[in-house]
């Protein structure tokens, strides 16, 4: 994912990758995990199962 809407705020790994992205318009955090040729992208949840959201300045 590239462009101005999303910002990568965390990354670790090279063969097995885990990244956290923030949607600049909604403040929703997403997690991207990839290993080999497989990967997945999902909203990041807190310990209560709620979506992690950072307030966005309008």
C-alpha atoms as a PDB file:
ATOM      1  CA  UNK A   1       0.000   0.000   0.000  1.00  0.00           C
ATOM      2  CA  UNK A   2       1.368   3.335  -0.942  1.00  0.00           C
ATOM      3  CA  UNK A   3       0.169   6.868  -1.392  1.00  0.00           C
ATOM      4  CA  UNK A   4      -0.815   9.673   0.922  1.00  0.00           C
ATOM      5  CA  UNK A   5      -3.792   8.024   2.627  1.00  0.00           C
ATOM      6  CA  UNK A   6      -1.855   5.381   4.587  1.00  0.00           C
ATOM      7  CA  UNK A   7       1.233   5.799   6.754  1.00  0.00           C
ATOM      8  CA  UNK A   8       3.449   2.925   7.882  1.00  0.00           C
ATOM      9  CA  UNK A   9       4.140   3.474  11.589  1.00  0.00           C
ATOM     10  CA  UNK A  10       5.876   0.190  12.470  1.00  0.00           C
ATOM     11  CA  UNK A  11       7.766  -2.540  10.622  1.00  0.00           C
ATOM     12  CA  UNK A  12       9.802  -5.563  11.623  1.00  0.00           C
ATOM     13  CA  UNK A  13      11.271  -8.542   9.819  1.00  0.00           C
ATOM     14  CA  UNK A  14      12.506  -9.350   6.349  1.00  0.00           C
ATOM     15  CA  UNK A  15      11.438 -12.921   5.533  1.00  0.00           C
ATOM     16  CA  UNK A  16       8.456 -12.798   7.864  1.00  0.00           C
ATOM     17  CA  UNK A  17       7.139  -9.246   7.875  1.00  0.00           C
ATOM     18  CA  UNK A  18       4.805  -7.504  10.316  1.00  0.00           C
ATOM     19  CA  UNK A  19       3.783  -3.893   9.701  1.00  0.00           C
ATOM     20  CA  UNK A  20       1.268  -1.489  11.226  1.00  0.00           C
ATOM     21  CA  UNK A  21      -0.379   1.075   8.939  1.00  0.00           C
ATOM     22  CA  UNK A  22      -2.619   4.012   9.888  1.00  0.00           C
ATOM     23  CA  UNK A  23      -5.355   5.381   7.627  1.00  0.00           C
ATOM     24  CA  UNK A  24      -4.812   9.157   7.720  1.00  0.00           C
ATOM     25  CA  UNK A  25      -8.482   9.853   6.888  1.00  0.00           C
ATOM     26  CA  UNK A  26     -10.147   7.618   9.506  1.00  0.00           C
ATOM     27  CA  UNK A  27      -7.365   7.018  12.059  1.00  0.00           C
ATOM     28  CA  UNK A  28      -7.949   3.238  11.900  1.00  0.00           C
ATOM     29  CA  UNK A  29      -4.834   1.086  12.465  1.00  0.00           C
ATOM     30  CA  UNK A  30      -4.230  -1.993  10.286  1.00  0.00           C
ATOM     31  CA  UNK A  31      -1.805  -4.877  10.674  1.00  0.00           C
ATOM     32  CA  UNK A  32      -0.064  -6.502   7.697  1.00  0.00           C
ATOM     33  CA  UNK A  33       1.660  -9.858   8.194  1.00  0.00           C
ATOM     34  CA  UNK A  34       3.464 -11.680   5.388  1.00  0.00           C
ATOM     35  CA  UNK A  35       5.514 -14.852   5.260  1.00  0.00           C
ATOM     36  CA  UNK A  36       6.863 -16.170   1.979  1.00  0.00           C
ATOM     37  CA  UNK A  37       4.168 -15.801  -0.701  1.00  0.00           C
ATOM     38  CA  UNK A  38       1.268 -15.445   1.766  1.00  0.00           C
ATOM     39  CA  UNK A  39       0.072 -12.370   3.599  1.00  0.00           C
ATOM     40  CA  UNK A  40      -2.891 -10.802   5.322  1.00  0.00           C
ATOM     41  CA  UNK A  41      -4.188  -7.312   6.093  1.00  0.00           C
ATOM     42  CA  UNK A  42      -6.671  -6.696   8.907  1.00  0.00           C
ATOM     43  CA  UNK A  43      -7.810  -3.952  11.288  1.00  0.00           C
ATOM     44  CA  UNK A  44      -5.685  -3.936  14.454  1.00  0.00           C
ATOM     45  CA  UNK A  45      -7.688  -4.840  17.566  1.00  0.00           C
ATOM     46  CA  UNK A  46      -7.013  -3.927  21.191  1.00  0.00           C
ATOM     47  CA  UNK A  47      -7.263  -6.286  24.179  1.00  0.00           C
ATOM     48  CA  UNK A  48     -11.074  -5.814  24.266  1.00  0.00           C
ATOM     49  CA  UNK A  49     -11.510  -6.700  20.581  1.00  0.00           C
ATOM     50  CA  UNK A  50     -12.171  -3.104  19.516  1.00  0.00           C
ATOM     51  CA  UNK A  51     -10.524  -1.504  16.492  1.00  0.00           C
ATOM     52  CA  UNK A  52      -7.536   0.713  17.384  1.00  0.00           C
ATOM     53  CA  UNK A  53      -8.252   4.283  16.217  1.00  0.00           C
ATOM     54  CA  UNK A  54      -6.138   7.421  16.551  1.00  0.00           C
ATOM     55  CA  UNK A  55      -8.106  10.698  16.523  1.00  0.00           C
ATOM     56  CA  UNK A  56      -7.626  12.568  13.238  1.00  0.00           C
ATOM     57  CA  UNK A  57      -7.329  16.359  13.103  1.00  0.00           C
ATOM     58  CA  UNK A  58      -9.656  17.802  10.467  1.00  0.00           C
END
